[in-house]
ModelCIF file with pLDDT and N, C-alpha, C, O atoms, coordinates in Angstrom:
data_MODEL
#
_entry.id   MODEL 
#
_entity.id                         1 
_entity.type                       polymer 
_entity.pdbx_number_of_molecules   1 
#
_entity_poly.entity_id                      1 
_entity_poly.type                           'polypeptide(L)' 
_entity_poly.nstd_linkage                   no 
_entity_poly.nstd_monomer                   no 
_entity_poly.pdbx_seq_one_letter_code       RWGPKGAAIATSVVWIVQNLLVLVTVRWKLGFWVTPSPRAWRGTA 
_entity_poly.pdbx_seq_one_letter_code_can   RWGPKGAAIATSVVWIVQNLLVLVTVRWKLGFWVTPSPRAWRGTA 
_entity_poly.pdbx_strand_id                 A 
#
loop_
_entity_poly_seq.entity_id 
_entity_poly_seq.num 
_entity_poly_seq.mon_id 
_entity_poly_seq.hetero 
1 1  ARG n 
1 2  TRP n 
1 3  GLY n 
1 4  PRO n 
1 5  LYS n 
1 6  GLY n 
1 7  ALA n 
1 8  ALA n 
1 9  ILE n 
1 10 ALA n 
1 11 THR n 
1 12 SER n 
1 13 VAL n 
1 14 VAL n 
1 15 TRP n 
1 16 ILE n 
1 17 VAL n 
1 18 GLN n 
1 19 ASN n 
1 20 LEU n 
1 21 LEU n 
1 22 VAL n 
1 23 LEU n 
1 24 VAL n 
1 25 THR n 
1 26 VAL n 
1 27 ARG n 
1 28 TRP n 
1 29 LYS n 
1 30 LEU n 
1 31 GLY n 
1 32 PHE n 
1 33 TRP n 
1 34 VAL n 
1 35 THR n 
1 36 PRO n 
1 37 SER n 
1 38 PRO n 
1 39 ARG n 
1 40 ALA n 
1 41 TRP n 
1 42 ARG n 
1 43 GLY n 
1 44 THR n 
1 45 ALA n 
#
_struct_asym.id          A 
_struct_asym.entity_id   1 
#
loop_
_ma_qa_metric.id 
_ma_qa_metric.mode 
_ma_qa_metric.name 
_ma_qa_metric.software_group_id 
_ma_qa_metric.type 
1 global pLDDT . pLDDT 
2 local  pLDDT . pLDDT 
#
_ma_qa_metric_global.metric_id      1 
_ma_qa_metric_global.metric_value   84.76 
_ma_qa_metric_global.model_id       1 
_ma_qa_metric_global.ordinal_id     1 
#
loop_
_ma_qa_metric_local.label_asym_id 
_ma_qa_metric_local.label_comp_id 
_ma_qa_metric_local.label_seq_id 
_ma_qa_metric_local.metric_id 
_ma_qa_metric_local.metric_value 
_ma_qa_metric_local.model_id 
_ma_qa_metric_local.ordinal_id 
A ARG 1  2 96.00 1 1  
A TRP 2  2 96.00 1 2  
A GLY 3  2 96.00 1 3  
A PRO 4  2 96.00 1 4  
A LYS 5  2 97.00 1 5  
A GLY 6  2 96.00 1 6  
A ALA 7  2 97.00 1 7  
A ALA 8  2 97.00 1 8  
A ILE 9  2 97.00 1 9  
A ALA 10 2 97.00 1 10 
A THR 11 2 96.00 1 11 
A SER 12 2 96.00 1 12 
A VAL 13 2 97.00 1 13 
A VAL 14 2 96.00 1 14 
A TRP 15 2 94.00 1 15 
A ILE 16 2 94.00 1 16 
A VAL 17 2 95.00 1 17 
A GLN 18 2 94.00 1 18 
A ASN 19 2 92.00 1 19 
A LEU 20 2 91.00 1 20 
A LEU 21 2 93.00 1 21 
A VAL 22 2 91.00 1 22 
A LEU 23 2 90.00 1 23 
A VAL 24 2 89.00 1 24 
A THR 25 2 91.00 1 25 
A VAL 26 2 89.00 1 26 
A ARG 27 2 87.00 1 27 
A TRP 28 2 89.00 1 28 
A LYS 29 2 88.00 1 29 
A LEU 30 2 85.00 1 30 
A GLY 31 2 83.00 1 31 
A PHE 32 2 80.00 1 32 
A TRP 33 2 77.00 1 33 
A VAL 34 2 77.00 1 34 
A THR 35 2 73.00 1 35 
A PRO 36 2 66.00 1 36 
A SER 37 2 65.00 1 37 
A PRO 38 2 65.00 1 38 
A ARG 39 2 66.00 1 39 
A ALA 40 2 63.00 1 40 
A TRP 41 2 63.00 1 41 
A ARG 42 2 66.00 1 42 
A GLY 43 2 60.00 1 43 
A THR 44 2 57.00 1 44 
A ALA 45 2 51.00 1 45 
#
loop_
_atom_site.group_PDB 
_atom_site.id 
_atom_site.type_symbol 
_atom_site.label_atom_id 
_atom_site.label_alt_id 
_atom_site.label_comp_id 
_atom_site.label_asym_id 
_atom_site.label_entity_id 
_atom_site.label_seq_id 
_atom_site.pdbx_PDB_ins_code 
_atom_site.Cartn_x 
_atom_site.Cartn_y 
_atom_site.Cartn_z 
_atom_site.occupancy 
_atom_site.B_iso_or_equiv 
_atom_site.pdbx_formal_charge 
_atom_site.auth_seq_id 
_atom_site.auth_comp_id 
_atom_site.auth_asym_id 
_atom_site.auth_atom_id 
_atom_site.pdbx_PDB_model_num 
ATOM 1   N N  . ARG A 1 1  ? 20.108 -1.351 18.549  1.00 96.00 ? 1  ARG A N  1 
ATOM 2   C CA . ARG A 1 1  ? 20.559 -0.358 19.477  1.00 96.00 ? 1  ARG A CA 1 
ATOM 3   C C  . ARG A 1 1  ? 19.553 0.418  20.288  1.00 96.00 ? 1  ARG A C  1 
ATOM 4   O O  . ARG A 1 1  ? 19.868 0.798  21.416  1.00 96.00 ? 1  ARG A O  1 
ATOM 5   N N  . TRP A 1 2  ? 18.184 0.716  19.709  1.00 96.00 ? 2  TRP A N  1 
ATOM 6   C CA . TRP A 1 2  ? 17.291 1.269  20.602  1.00 96.00 ? 2  TRP A CA 1 
ATOM 7   C C  . TRP A 1 2  ? 15.721 0.546  20.016  1.00 96.00 ? 2  TRP A C  1 
ATOM 8   O O  . TRP A 1 2  ? 14.589 1.017  20.132  1.00 96.00 ? 2  TRP A O  1 
ATOM 9   N N  . GLY A 1 3  ? 16.034 -0.379 19.553  1.00 96.00 ? 3  GLY A N  1 
ATOM 10  C CA . GLY A 1 3  ? 14.526 -1.359 19.831  1.00 96.00 ? 3  GLY A CA 1 
ATOM 11  C C  . GLY A 1 3  ? 13.633 -0.880 18.817  1.00 96.00 ? 3  GLY A C  1 
ATOM 12  O O  . GLY A 1 3  ? 13.905 -0.508 17.676  1.00 96.00 ? 3  GLY A O  1 
ATOM 13  N N  . PRO A 1 4  ? 12.373 -0.954 19.480  1.00 96.00 ? 4  PRO A N  1 
ATOM 14  C CA . PRO A 1 4  ? 10.947 -0.026 18.751  1.00 96.00 ? 4  PRO A CA 1 
ATOM 15  C C  . PRO A 1 4  ? 11.256 1.161  18.340  1.00 96.00 ? 4  PRO A C  1 
ATOM 16  O O  . PRO A 1 4  ? 11.222 1.531  17.166  1.00 96.00 ? 4  PRO A O  1 
ATOM 17  N N  . LYS A 1 5  ? 11.689 2.052  19.633  1.00 97.00 ? 5  LYS A N  1 
ATOM 18  C CA . LYS A 1 5  ? 12.601 3.309  18.883  1.00 97.00 ? 5  LYS A CA 1 
ATOM 19  C C  . LYS A 1 5  ? 13.196 3.655  17.823  1.00 97.00 ? 5  LYS A C  1 
ATOM 20  O O  . LYS A 1 5  ? 13.033 4.740  17.263  1.00 97.00 ? 5  LYS A O  1 
ATOM 21  N N  . GLY A 1 6  ? 14.032 2.646  17.408  1.00 96.00 ? 6  GLY A N  1 
ATOM 22  C CA . GLY A 1 6  ? 14.644 2.628  16.570  1.00 96.00 ? 6  GLY A CA 1 
ATOM 23  C C  . GLY A 1 6  ? 14.026 2.186  15.254  1.00 96.00 ? 6  GLY A C  1 
ATOM 24  O O  . GLY A 1 6  ? 14.382 2.622  14.159  1.00 96.00 ? 6  GLY A O  1 
ATOM 25  N N  . ALA A 1 7  ? 13.440 1.633  15.376  1.00 97.00 ? 7  ALA A N  1 
ATOM 26  C CA . ALA A 1 7  ? 12.250 1.005  14.238  1.00 97.00 ? 7  ALA A CA 1 
ATOM 27  C C  . ALA A 1 7  ? 11.544 2.440  13.770  1.00 97.00 ? 7  ALA A C  1 
ATOM 28  O O  . ALA A 1 7  ? 11.641 2.914  12.639  1.00 97.00 ? 7  ALA A O  1 
ATOM 29  N N  . ALA A 1 8  ? 10.923 2.941  14.713  1.00 97.00 ? 8  ALA A N  1 
ATOM 30  C CA . ALA A 1 8  ? 9.960  4.181  14.636  1.00 97.00 ? 8  ALA A CA 1 
ATOM 31  C C  . ALA A 1 8  ? 10.669 5.171  13.606  1.00 97.00 ? 8  ALA A C  1 
ATOM 32  O O  . ALA A 1 8  ? 10.215 5.549  12.526  1.00 97.00 ? 8  ALA A O  1 
ATOM 33  N N  . ILE A 1 9  ? 11.837 5.489  14.169  1.00 97.00 ? 9  ILE A N  1 
ATOM 34  C CA . ILE A 1 9  ? 13.161 6.465  13.480  1.00 97.00 ? 9  ILE A CA 1 
ATOM 35  C C  . ILE A 1 9  ? 13.243 6.188  12.400  1.00 97.00 ? 9  ILE A C  1 
ATOM 36  O O  . ILE A 1 9  ? 13.087 7.173  11.678  1.00 97.00 ? 9  ILE A O  1 
ATOM 37  N N  . ALA A 1 10 ? 13.476 5.019  11.724  1.00 97.00 ? 10 ALA A N  1 
ATOM 38  C CA . ALA A 1 10 ? 14.141 4.152  10.553  1.00 97.00 ? 10 ALA A CA 1 
ATOM 39  C C  . ALA A 1 10 ? 12.746 4.186  9.468   1.00 97.00 ? 10 ALA A C  1 
ATOM 40  O O  . ALA A 1 10 ? 12.730 4.459  8.267   1.00 97.00 ? 10 ALA A O  1 
ATOM 41  N N  . THR A 1 11 ? 11.693 3.828  10.316  1.00 96.00 ? 11 THR A N  1 
ATOM 42  C CA . THR A 1 11 ? 10.400 4.100  9.144   1.00 96.00 ? 11 THR A CA 1 
ATOM 43  C C  . THR A 1 11 ? 9.939  5.092  9.118   1.00 96.00 ? 11 THR A C  1 
ATOM 44  O O  . THR A 1 11 ? 9.034  5.118  8.283   1.00 96.00 ? 11 THR A O  1 
ATOM 45  N N  . SER A 1 12 ? 10.114 6.250  9.755   1.00 96.00 ? 12 SER A N  1 
ATOM 46  C CA . SER A 1 12 ? 9.792  7.690  9.743   1.00 96.00 ? 12 SER A CA 1 
ATOM 47  C C  . SER A 1 12 ? 10.880 8.081  8.608   1.00 96.00 ? 12 SER A C  1 
ATOM 48  O O  . SER A 1 12 ? 10.401 8.441  7.532   1.00 96.00 ? 12 SER A O  1 
ATOM 49  N N  . VAL A 1 13 ? 12.006 8.055  8.702   1.00 97.00 ? 13 VAL A N  1 
ATOM 50  C CA . VAL A 1 13 ? 13.091 8.652  8.038   1.00 97.00 ? 13 VAL A CA 1 
ATOM 51  C C  . VAL A 1 13 ? 12.930 7.800  6.484   1.00 97.00 ? 13 VAL A C  1 
ATOM 52  O O  . VAL A 1 13 ? 13.083 8.574  5.539   1.00 97.00 ? 13 VAL A O  1 
ATOM 53  N N  . VAL A 1 14 ? 12.713 6.677  6.168   1.00 96.00 ? 14 VAL A N  1 
ATOM 54  C CA . VAL A 1 14 ? 12.179 6.098  4.918   1.00 96.00 ? 14 VAL A CA 1 
ATOM 55  C C  . VAL A 1 14 ? 11.026 6.884  4.350   1.00 96.00 ? 14 VAL A C  1 
ATOM 56  O O  . VAL A 1 14 ? 11.145 7.419  3.247   1.00 96.00 ? 14 VAL A O  1 
ATOM 57  N N  . TRP A 1 15 ? 9.816  6.986  5.116   1.00 94.00 ? 15 TRP A N  1 
ATOM 58  C CA . TRP A 1 15 ? 8.550  7.773  4.539   1.00 94.00 ? 15 TRP A CA 1 
ATOM 59  C C  . TRP A 1 15 ? 9.031  8.769  3.932   1.00 94.00 ? 15 TRP A C  1 
ATOM 60  O O  . TRP A 1 15 ? 8.872  8.929  2.722   1.00 94.00 ? 15 TRP A O  1 
ATOM 61  N N  . ILE A 1 16 ? 9.902  9.845  4.931   1.00 94.00 ? 16 ILE A N  1 
ATOM 62  C CA . ILE A 1 16 ? 10.132 11.107 4.293   1.00 94.00 ? 16 ILE A CA 1 
ATOM 63  C C  . ILE A 1 16 ? 11.074 11.086 3.087   1.00 94.00 ? 16 ILE A C  1 
ATOM 64  O O  . ILE A 1 16 ? 10.875 11.830 2.127   1.00 94.00 ? 16 ILE A O  1 
ATOM 65  N N  . VAL A 1 17 ? 12.031 10.287 3.137   1.00 95.00 ? 17 VAL A N  1 
ATOM 66  C CA . VAL A 1 17 ? 13.024 9.978  1.981   1.00 95.00 ? 17 VAL A CA 1 
ATOM 67  C C  . VAL A 1 17 ? 12.283 9.826  1.116   1.00 95.00 ? 17 VAL A C  1 
ATOM 68  O O  . VAL A 1 17 ? 12.412 10.650 0.210   1.00 95.00 ? 17 VAL A O  1 
ATOM 69  N N  . GLN A 1 18 ? 11.322 8.904  0.954   1.00 94.00 ? 18 GLN A N  1 
ATOM 70  C CA . GLN A 1 18 ? 10.646 8.491  -0.452  1.00 94.00 ? 18 GLN A CA 1 
ATOM 71  C C  . GLN A 1 18 ? 9.804  9.426  -0.882  1.00 94.00 ? 18 GLN A C  1 
ATOM 72  O O  . GLN A 1 18 ? 9.666  9.698  -2.075  1.00 94.00 ? 18 GLN A O  1 
ATOM 73  N N  . ASN A 1 19 ? 8.932  10.205 0.438   1.00 92.00 ? 19 ASN A N  1 
ATOM 74  C CA . ASN A 1 19 ? 7.873  11.098 -0.214  1.00 92.00 ? 19 ASN A CA 1 
ATOM 75  C C  . ASN A 1 19 ? 8.871  12.482 -0.938  1.00 92.00 ? 19 ASN A C  1 
ATOM 76  O O  . ASN A 1 19 ? 8.353  13.075 -1.884  1.00 92.00 ? 19 ASN A O  1 
ATOM 77  N N  . LEU A 1 20 ? 9.909  12.820 -0.582  1.00 91.00 ? 20 LEU A N  1 
ATOM 78  C CA . LEU A 1 20 ? 10.897 13.803 -1.064  1.00 91.00 ? 20 LEU A CA 1 
ATOM 79  C C  . LEU A 1 20 ? 11.461 13.295 -2.358  1.00 91.00 ? 20 LEU A C  1 
ATOM 80  O O  . LEU A 1 20 ? 11.799 14.047 -3.272  1.00 91.00 ? 20 LEU A O  1 
ATOM 81  N N  . LEU A 1 21 ? 11.541 12.111 -2.395  1.00 93.00 ? 21 LEU A N  1 
ATOM 82  C CA . LEU A 1 21 ? 12.162 11.746 -3.951  1.00 93.00 ? 21 LEU A CA 1 
ATOM 83  C C  . LEU A 1 21 ? 11.166 12.181 -4.771  1.00 93.00 ? 21 LEU A C  1 
ATOM 84  O O  . LEU A 1 21 ? 11.209 13.158 -5.518  1.00 93.00 ? 21 LEU A O  1 
ATOM 85  N N  . VAL A 1 22 ? 9.898  11.103 -4.534  1.00 91.00 ? 22 VAL A N  1 
ATOM 86  C CA . VAL A 1 22 ? 8.568  11.312 -5.719  1.00 91.00 ? 22 VAL A CA 1 
ATOM 87  C C  . VAL A 1 22 ? 8.368  12.418 -5.821  1.00 91.00 ? 22 VAL A C  1 
ATOM 88  O O  . VAL A 1 22 ? 8.039  12.737 -6.963  1.00 91.00 ? 22 VAL A O  1 
ATOM 89  N N  . LEU A 1 23 ? 8.442  13.637 -4.730  1.00 90.00 ? 23 LEU A N  1 
ATOM 90  C CA . LEU A 1 23 ? 7.693  14.911 -4.812  1.00 90.00 ? 23 LEU A CA 1 
ATOM 91  C C  . LEU A 1 23 ? 9.175  15.640 -6.182  1.00 90.00 ? 23 LEU A C  1 
ATOM 92  O O  . LEU A 1 23 ? 8.984  16.298 -7.204  1.00 90.00 ? 23 LEU A O  1 
ATOM 93  N N  . VAL A 1 24 ? 10.279 15.228 -5.682  1.00 89.00 ? 24 VAL A N  1 
ATOM 94  C CA . VAL A 1 24 ? 11.296 16.031 -6.547  1.00 89.00 ? 24 VAL A CA 1 
ATOM 95  C C  . VAL A 1 24 ? 11.090 15.348 -8.074  1.00 89.00 ? 24 VAL A C  1 
ATOM 96  O O  . VAL A 1 24 ? 11.118 16.135 -9.021  1.00 89.00 ? 24 VAL A O  1 
ATOM 97  N N  . THR A 1 25 ? 10.894 13.998 -8.338  1.00 91.00 ? 25 THR A N  1 
ATOM 98  C CA . THR A 1 25 ? 10.544 13.301 -9.437  1.00 91.00 ? 25 THR A CA 1 
ATOM 99  C C  . THR A 1 25 ? 9.538  14.160 -10.385 1.00 91.00 ? 25 THR A C  1 
ATOM 100 O O  . THR A 1 25 ? 9.657  14.500 -11.562 1.00 91.00 ? 25 THR A O  1 
ATOM 101 N N  . VAL A 1 26 ? 8.491  14.386 -9.425  1.00 89.00 ? 26 VAL A N  1 
ATOM 102 C CA . VAL A 1 26 ? 7.019  15.169 -10.033 1.00 89.00 ? 26 VAL A CA 1 
ATOM 103 C C  . VAL A 1 26 ? 7.866  16.194 -10.511 1.00 89.00 ? 26 VAL A C  1 
ATOM 104 O O  . VAL A 1 26 ? 8.102  16.136 -11.718 1.00 89.00 ? 26 VAL A O  1 
ATOM 105 N N  . ARG A 1 27 ? 8.347  17.050 -9.919  1.00 87.00 ? 27 ARG A N  1 
ATOM 106 C CA . ARG A 1 27 ? 8.790  18.447 -10.621 1.00 87.00 ? 27 ARG A CA 1 
ATOM 107 C C  . ARG A 1 27 ? 9.353  18.227 -11.643 1.00 87.00 ? 27 ARG A C  1 
ATOM 108 O O  . ARG A 1 27 ? 8.918  18.649 -12.714 1.00 87.00 ? 27 ARG A O  1 
ATOM 109 N N  . TRP A 1 28 ? 10.725 17.334 -11.511 1.00 89.00 ? 28 TRP A N  1 
ATOM 110 C CA . TRP A 1 28 ? 11.452 17.194 -12.788 1.00 89.00 ? 28 TRP A CA 1 
ATOM 111 C C  . TRP A 1 28 ? 10.522 16.640 -13.992 1.00 89.00 ? 28 TRP A C  1 
ATOM 112 O O  . TRP A 1 28 ? 10.253 17.385 -14.933 1.00 89.00 ? 28 TRP A O  1 
ATOM 113 N N  . LYS A 1 29 ? 10.148 15.609 -13.949 1.00 88.00 ? 29 LYS A N  1 
ATOM 114 C CA . LYS A 1 29 ? 9.382  14.879 -14.856 1.00 88.00 ? 29 LYS A CA 1 
ATOM 115 C C  . LYS A 1 29 ? 8.181  15.674 -15.598 1.00 88.00 ? 29 LYS A C  1 
ATOM 116 O O  . LYS A 1 29 ? 8.074  15.785 -16.819 1.00 88.00 ? 29 LYS A O  1 
ATOM 117 N N  . LEU A 1 30 ? 7.200  16.265 -14.518 1.00 85.00 ? 30 LEU A N  1 
ATOM 118 C CA . LEU A 1 30 ? 6.064  17.027 -14.704 1.00 85.00 ? 30 LEU A CA 1 
ATOM 119 C C  . LEU A 1 30 ? 6.057  18.614 -14.909 1.00 85.00 ? 30 LEU A C  1 
ATOM 120 O O  . LEU A 1 30 ? 5.221  19.269 -15.531 1.00 85.00 ? 30 LEU A O  1 
ATOM 121 N N  . GLY A 1 31 ? 7.330  19.124 -14.155 1.00 83.00 ? 31 GLY A N  1 
ATOM 122 C CA . GLY A 1 31 ? 7.715  20.528 -14.539 1.00 83.00 ? 31 GLY A CA 1 
ATOM 123 C C  . GLY A 1 31 ? 6.861  21.127 -13.452 1.00 83.00 ? 31 GLY A C  1 
ATOM 124 O O  . GLY A 1 31 ? 6.672  22.329 -13.640 1.00 83.00 ? 31 GLY A O  1 
ATOM 125 N N  . PHE A 1 32 ? 6.165  20.533 -12.131 1.00 80.00 ? 32 PHE A N  1 
ATOM 126 C CA . PHE A 1 32 ? 5.437  21.579 -11.286 1.00 80.00 ? 32 PHE A CA 1 
ATOM 127 C C  . PHE A 1 32 ? 5.599  20.845 -9.891  1.00 80.00 ? 32 PHE A C  1 
ATOM 128 O O  . PHE A 1 32 ? 5.822  19.647 -9.717  1.00 80.00 ? 32 PHE A O  1 
ATOM 129 N N  . TRP A 1 33 ? 5.424  21.907 -8.868  1.00 77.00 ? 33 TRP A N  1 
ATOM 130 C CA . TRP A 1 33 ? 5.417  21.637 -7.755  1.00 77.00 ? 33 TRP A CA 1 
ATOM 131 C C  . TRP A 1 33 ? 4.086  21.311 -6.989  1.00 77.00 ? 33 TRP A C  1 
ATOM 132 O O  . TRP A 1 33 ? 3.057  21.939 -7.240  1.00 77.00 ? 33 TRP A O  1 
ATOM 133 N N  . VAL A 1 34 ? 4.141  20.088 -5.838  1.00 77.00 ? 34 VAL A N  1 
ATOM 134 C CA . VAL A 1 34 ? 2.594  19.830 -5.843  1.00 77.00 ? 34 VAL A CA 1 
ATOM 135 C C  . VAL A 1 34 ? 2.276  20.761 -4.368  1.00 77.00 ? 34 VAL A C  1 
ATOM 136 O O  . VAL A 1 34 ? 1.115  21.048 -4.079  1.00 77.00 ? 34 VAL A O  1 
ATOM 137 N N  . THR A 1 35 ? 3.214  21.101 -3.666  1.00 73.00 ? 35 THR A N  1 
ATOM 138 C CA . THR A 1 35 ? 3.106  21.266 -2.330  1.00 73.00 ? 35 THR A CA 1 
ATOM 139 C C  . THR A 1 35 ? 3.206  23.298 -2.659  1.00 73.00 ? 35 THR A C  1 
ATOM 140 O O  . THR A 1 35 ? 3.920  23.841 -3.502  1.00 73.00 ? 35 THR A O  1 
ATOM 141 N N  . PRO A 1 36 ? 2.561  23.762 -2.002  1.00 66.00 ? 36 PRO A N  1 
ATOM 142 C CA . PRO A 1 36 ? 2.652  25.268 -2.216  1.00 66.00 ? 36 PRO A CA 1 
ATOM 143 C C  . PRO A 1 36 ? 3.943  25.791 -2.087  1.00 66.00 ? 36 PRO A C  1 
ATOM 144 O O  . PRO A 1 36 ? 4.849  25.102 -1.617  1.00 66.00 ? 36 PRO A O  1 
ATOM 145 N N  . SER A 1 37 ? 4.143  27.127 -2.518  1.00 65.00 ? 37 SER A N  1 
ATOM 146 C CA . SER A 1 37 ? 5.208  27.522 -2.667  1.00 65.00 ? 37 SER A CA 1 
ATOM 147 C C  . SER A 1 37 ? 5.093  28.479 -0.986  1.00 65.00 ? 37 SER A C  1 
ATOM 148 O O  . SER A 1 37 ? 4.039  28.745 -0.408  1.00 65.00 ? 37 SER A O  1 
ATOM 149 N N  . PRO A 1 38 ? 6.625  28.870 -0.475  1.00 65.00 ? 38 PRO A N  1 
ATOM 150 C CA . PRO A 1 38 ? 6.541  29.410 0.655   1.00 65.00 ? 38 PRO A CA 1 
ATOM 151 C C  . PRO A 1 38 ? 5.646  30.920 0.602   1.00 65.00 ? 38 PRO A C  1 
ATOM 152 O O  . PRO A 1 38 ? 4.881  31.312 1.483   1.00 65.00 ? 38 PRO A O  1 
ATOM 153 N N  . ARG A 1 39 ? 5.966  31.605 -0.640  1.00 66.00 ? 39 ARG A N  1 
ATOM 154 C CA . ARG A 1 39 ? 5.120  32.783 -0.940  1.00 66.00 ? 39 ARG A CA 1 
ATOM 155 C C  . ARG A 1 39 ? 3.461  32.493 -0.649  1.00 66.00 ? 39 ARG A C  1 
ATOM 156 O O  . ARG A 1 39 ? 2.686  33.407 -0.368  1.00 66.00 ? 39 ARG A O  1 
ATOM 157 N N  . ALA A 1 40 ? 2.999  30.873 -0.781  1.00 63.00 ? 40 ALA A N  1 
ATOM 158 C CA . ALA A 1 40 ? 1.822  30.709 -0.552  1.00 63.00 ? 40 ALA A CA 1 
ATOM 159 C C  . ALA A 1 40 ? 1.515  30.879 0.656   1.00 63.00 ? 40 ALA A C  1 
ATOM 160 O O  . ALA A 1 40 ? 0.560  31.616 0.904   1.00 63.00 ? 40 ALA A O  1 
ATOM 161 N N  . TRP A 1 41 ? 2.292  30.202 1.802   1.00 63.00 ? 41 TRP A N  1 
ATOM 162 C CA . TRP A 1 41 ? 2.180  30.226 3.179   1.00 63.00 ? 41 TRP A CA 1 
ATOM 163 C C  . TRP A 1 41 ? 1.970  31.827 3.530   1.00 63.00 ? 41 TRP A C  1 
ATOM 164 O O  . TRP A 1 41 ? 1.277  32.020 4.529   1.00 63.00 ? 41 TRP A O  1 
ATOM 165 N N  . ARG A 1 42 ? 2.342  32.707 3.026   1.00 66.00 ? 42 ARG A N  1 
ATOM 166 C CA . ARG A 1 42 ? 2.306  34.070 3.634   1.00 66.00 ? 42 ARG A CA 1 
ATOM 167 C C  . ARG A 1 42 ? 1.060  34.885 2.533   1.00 66.00 ? 42 ARG A C  1 
ATOM 168 O O  . ARG A 1 42 ? 0.859  36.097 2.457   1.00 66.00 ? 42 ARG A O  1 
ATOM 169 N N  . GLY A 1 43 ? 0.532  34.062 1.956   1.00 60.00 ? 43 GLY A N  1 
ATOM 170 C CA . GLY A 1 43 ? -0.478 34.965 1.762   1.00 60.00 ? 43 GLY A CA 1 
ATOM 171 C C  . GLY A 1 43 ? -0.329 35.762 0.091   1.00 60.00 ? 43 GLY A C  1 
ATOM 172 O O  . GLY A 1 43 ? -1.196 36.491 -0.391  1.00 60.00 ? 43 GLY A O  1 
ATOM 173 N N  . THR A 1 44 ? 0.700  35.474 -0.432  1.00 57.00 ? 44 THR A N  1 
ATOM 174 C CA . THR A 1 44 ? 1.021  36.667 -1.641  1.00 57.00 ? 44 THR A CA 1 
ATOM 175 C C  . THR A 1 44 ? 1.484  35.444 -2.667  1.00 57.00 ? 44 THR A C  1 
ATOM 176 O O  . THR A 1 44 ? 2.701  35.441 -2.848  1.00 57.00 ? 44 THR A O  1 
ATOM 177 N N  . ALA A 1 45 ? 0.787  34.451 -3.343  1.00 51.00 ? 45 ALA A N  1 
ATOM 178 C CA . ALA A 1 45 ? 0.792  33.561 -4.036  1.00 51.00 ? 45 ALA A CA 1 
ATOM 179 C C  . ALA A 1 45 ? 0.588  34.216 -5.423  1.00 51.00 ? 45 ALA A C  1 
ATOM 180 O O  . ALA A 1 45 ? 0.543  33.516 -6.435  1.00 51.00 ? 45 ALA A O  1 
#
């Protein structure tokens, strides 16, 4: 349908999904988040 743009969209979506799946797996199996919490972004971590 969209040619190279479609390939770029598909690739980006797959990267995002894969990283989020692995991120949630780290939380589930190891018990902590690798990324900072929203409170850390506000400076009140």
